[in-house]
Amino acid sequence: MNKIILSLTLLLFMNTSDSIIFDFTRDANLSSWYVVDDGVMGGRSKGKLSINDNGNAIFSGEVSLDNYGGFSSIRHQFKKKDISQYSQVVLRVRGDGKKYQFRIKEKNNDYYSFITTFQSTQDWQDLILDMKDMYPAFRGRVLNMDNLKPNTIEEIAFLIGNKRAEKFLLEIDVIFLK
């Protein structure tokens, strides 16, 4: 019941259904989401994505620093989405008090992402992220390029990599453009 009330409140902030990037529900199709851990570089971190009984996504796992590891991420790829009329991304999340990154790629095959960081809390948060403040980075290095100028996007991601071994849990309700 609370999710319905919260979602109705959020709908007031949404311009159109085109503004929704992903709305998690009990029967959400997660096939366009995938986990990328530091195992791609020899690390031992393990993340997973699931849906809980309330219909929210749960990004959870454990970050390990073994073998020069240190991150876990979930990524969502989709057909090119025109975002030129929007300037912000809204995330409805609650977590474990840890810092997470939210990332955007203009094209799936770009080697870099545009990044912003947020601090999670154990209470639900409606985070409003200005896309113009998202900076380009690759493997932890800030690139000498302009910040994101929203036009089109093809991928979003959540990443945890706080340079320490830790368990994590981030609950995600909805992601939309404003």
Protein backbone atom coordinates (compact mmCIF):
# COMPACT_ATOMS: atom_id res chain seq x y z
CA MET A 1 0.00 0.00 0.00
CA ASN A 2 2.81 2.45 0.86
CA LYS A 3 4.45 1.87 -2.53
CA ILE A 4 1.19 2.82 -4.26
CA ILE A 5 0.89 6.05 -2.26
CA LEU A 6 4.55 6.89 -2.85
CA SER A 7 4.30 6.12 -6.56
CA LEU A 8 1.20 8.32 -6.90
CA THR A 9 3.07 11.16 -5.20
CA LEU A 10 6.00 10.69 -7.58
CA LEU A 11 3.67 10.70 -10.59
CA LEU A 12 2.86 14.31 -9.76
CA PHE A 13 6.52 15.15 -10.45
CA MET A 14 6.69 13.22 -13.72
CA ASN A 15 5.91 15.03 -16.95
CA THR A 16 4.86 12.01 -19.03
CA SER A 17 5.32 8.27 -19.16
CA ASP A 18 8.25 9.02 -21.50
CA SER A 19 10.06 10.44 -18.49
CA ILE A 20 10.21 7.04 -16.75
CA ILE A 21 13.53 5.25 -17.21
CA PHE A 22 12.56 2.26 -15.05
CA ASP A 23 9.79 1.61 -12.53
CA PHE A 24 10.40 -1.55 -10.51
CA THR A 25 7.40 -3.77 -9.76
CA ARG A 26 6.98 -7.36 -8.57
CA ASP A 27 6.72 -8.58 -12.16
CA ALA A 28 9.32 -6.21 -13.66
CA ASN A 29 11.38 -7.72 -16.48
CA LEU A 30 15.01 -7.40 -15.38
CA SER A 31 16.49 -8.87 -18.58
CA SER A 32 17.88 -5.45 -19.62
CA TRP A 33 19.72 -5.17 -16.29
CA TYR A 34 23.02 -6.92 -15.60
CA VAL A 35 25.69 -7.01 -12.90
CA VAL A 36 29.28 -5.94 -13.57
CA ASP A 37 31.67 -6.58 -10.71
CA ASP A 38 35.42 -6.12 -10.45
CA GLY A 39 35.75 -9.76 -11.54
CA VAL A 40 36.19 -8.36 -15.05
CA MET A 41 39.63 -7.23 -13.76
CA GLY A 42 40.37 -10.18 -11.46
CA GLY A 43 38.61 -8.89 -8.33
CA ARG A 44 36.34 -10.88 -6.05
CA SER A 45 33.37 -8.57 -5.36
CA LYS A 46 29.90 -10.06 -5.79
CA GLY A 47 26.74 -8.10 -6.48
CA LYS A 48 23.24 -9.18 -7.40
CA LEU A 49 19.94 -7.64 -8.43
CA SER A 50 16.56 -8.98 -7.34
CA ILE A 51 13.00 -7.81 -6.72
CA ASN A 52 11.64 -7.90 -3.15
CA ASP A 53 8.07 -8.62 -2.02
CA ASN A 54 7.25 -4.87 -2.18
CA GLY A 55 8.18 -4.74 -5.87
CA ASN A 56 11.41 -2.79 -5.38
CA ALA A 57 14.81 -3.65 -6.80
CA ILE A 58 17.45 -4.81 -4.35
CA PHE A 59 21.06 -4.22 -5.39
CA SER A 60 23.10 -6.08 -2.77
CA GLY A 61 26.29 -7.97 -2.23
CA GLU A 62 29.79 -7.57 -0.96
CA VAL A 63 32.70 -5.48 -2.20
CA SER A 64 36.10 -7.13 -1.83
CA LEU A 65 39.51 -5.51 -2.18
CA ASP A 66 41.18 -8.86 -2.96
CA ASN A 67 43.09 -9.07 -6.26
CA TYR A 68 42.92 -5.29 -6.69
CA GLY A 69 39.12 -5.36 -6.69
CA GLY A 70 36.79 -2.85 -5.14
CA PHE A 71 33.48 -2.32 -6.98
CA SER A 72 30.14 -3.77 -7.91
CA SER A 73 27.58 -2.30 -10.29
CA ILE A 74 24.25 -2.90 -11.96
CA ARG A 75 23.60 -1.55 -15.44
CA HIS A 76 20.48 -1.06 -17.52
CA GLN A 77 20.73 -0.73 -21.31
CA PHE A 78 17.86 0.41 -23.50
CA LYS A 79 17.08 1.86 -26.92
CA LYS A 80 18.27 5.42 -27.43
CA LYS A 81 16.11 7.73 -25.33
CA ASP A 82 15.71 11.42 -26.17
CA ILE A 83 16.23 13.34 -22.94
CA SER A 84 16.75 16.81 -24.43
CA GLN A 85 13.65 18.21 -22.69
CA TYR A 86 14.84 17.08 -19.25
CA SER A 87 17.57 18.40 -16.96
CA GLN A 88 17.33 16.12 -13.93
CA VAL A 89 17.13 12.47 -12.95
CA VAL A 90 15.00 11.53 -9.94
CA LEU A 91 15.84 8.40 -7.96
CA ARG A 92 13.58 6.98 -5.27
CA VAL A 93 15.94 4.90 -3.12
CA ARG A 94 16.80 3.82 0.38
CA GLY A 95 19.94 2.11 1.47
CA ASP A 96 22.48 1.34 4.10
CA GLY A 97 24.09 4.73 4.71
CA LYS A 98 26.83 4.14 2.13
CA LYS A 99 27.85 6.25 -0.87
CA TYR A 100 26.80 5.10 -4.33
CA GLN A 101 27.37 6.43 -7.82
CA PHE A 102 24.64 6.96 -10.38
CA ARG A 103 26.01 6.79 -13.94
CA ILE A 104 24.75 7.65 -17.41
CA LYS A 105 26.14 6.68 -20.80
CA GLU A 106 25.06 8.55 -23.90
CA LYS A 107 25.91 5.48 -26.03
CA ASN A 108 26.21 1.88 -24.85
CA ASN A 109 29.65 1.51 -26.40
CA ASP A 110 31.16 4.67 -24.84
CA TYR A 111 34.13 3.70 -22.68
CA TYR A 112 33.31 6.44 -20.14
CA SER A 113 30.27 7.34 -18.06
CA PHE A 114 28.89 10.56 -16.64
CA ILE A 115 28.85 10.24 -12.87
CA THR A 116 27.36 11.72 -9.73
CA THR A 117 27.57 10.40 -6.17
CA PHE A 118 24.86 10.22 -3.54
CA GLN A 119 24.73 9.24 0.12
CA SER A 120 22.05 6.67 0.88
CA THR A 121 20.01 6.62 4.08
CA GLN A 122 17.84 4.01 5.72
CA ASP A 123 14.77 6.14 4.93
CA TRP A 124 13.24 6.56 1.48
CA GLN A 125 14.82 9.45 -0.42
CA ASP A 126 13.64 11.22 -3.58
CA LEU A 127 17.02 12.30 -4.94
CA ILE A 128 16.98 14.97 -7.65
CA LEU A 129 20.22 14.83 -9.64
CA ASP A 130 21.14 17.65 -12.03
CA MET A 131 22.52 16.10 -15.20
CA LYS A 132 24.64 19.17 -15.94
CA ASP A 133 26.65 18.34 -12.79
CA MET A 134 27.47 14.79 -13.92
CA TYR A 135 31.14 14.60 -14.86
CA PRO A 136 32.85 12.21 -17.30
CA ALA A 137 35.08 9.51 -15.83
CA PHE A 138 36.67 6.20 -16.77
CA ARG A 139 37.99 3.67 -14.24
CA GLY A 140 38.00 6.23 -11.44
CA ARG A 141 39.73 8.95 -13.43
CA VAL A 142 37.98 12.21 -14.28
CA LEU A 143 38.30 12.94 -18.01
CA ASN A 144 39.13 16.30 -19.58
CA MET A 145 35.72 16.65 -21.23
CA ASP A 146 32.58 18.69 -20.64
CA ASN A 147 29.96 17.56 -18.14
CA LEU A 148 26.83 15.86 -19.42
CA LYS A 149 24.73 17.95 -21.81
CA PRO A 150 21.56 15.90 -21.99
CA ASN A 151 20.50 14.88 -25.48
CA THR A 152 20.16 11.10 -25.68
CA ILE A 153 21.12 8.23 -23.39
CA GLU A 154 21.34 4.45 -23.77
CA GLU A 155 22.52 3.23 -20.35
CA ILE A 156 22.23 3.97 -16.65
CA ALA A 157 24.04 2.30 -13.76
CA PHE A 158 24.45 2.20 -10.00
CA LEU A 159 27.92 1.50 -8.63
CA ILE A 160 29.44 1.06 -5.19
CA GLY A 161 33.20 1.40 -4.83
CA ASN A 162 34.21 3.16 -1.63
CA LYS A 163 37.79 1.80 -1.47
CA ARG A 164 36.92 -0.59 1.38
CA ALA A 165 35.64 -4.11 1.80
CA GLU A 166 31.97 -3.91 2.77
CA LYS A 167 28.56 -5.48 2.41
CA PHE A 168 25.95 -3.29 0.72
CA LEU A 169 22.24 -3.02 0.03
CA LEU A 170 20.43 -0.39 -2.02
CA GLU A 171 16.65 -0.55 -2.58
CA ILE A 172 15.37 1.18 -5.73
CA ASP A 173 11.73 2.04 -6.45
CA VAL A 174 11.74 4.20 -9.59
CA ILE A 175 14.09 6.18 -11.85
CA PHE A 176 12.68 8.98 -13.99
CA LEU A 177 13.55 12.21 -15.77
CA LYS A 178 12.38 15.65 -14.74
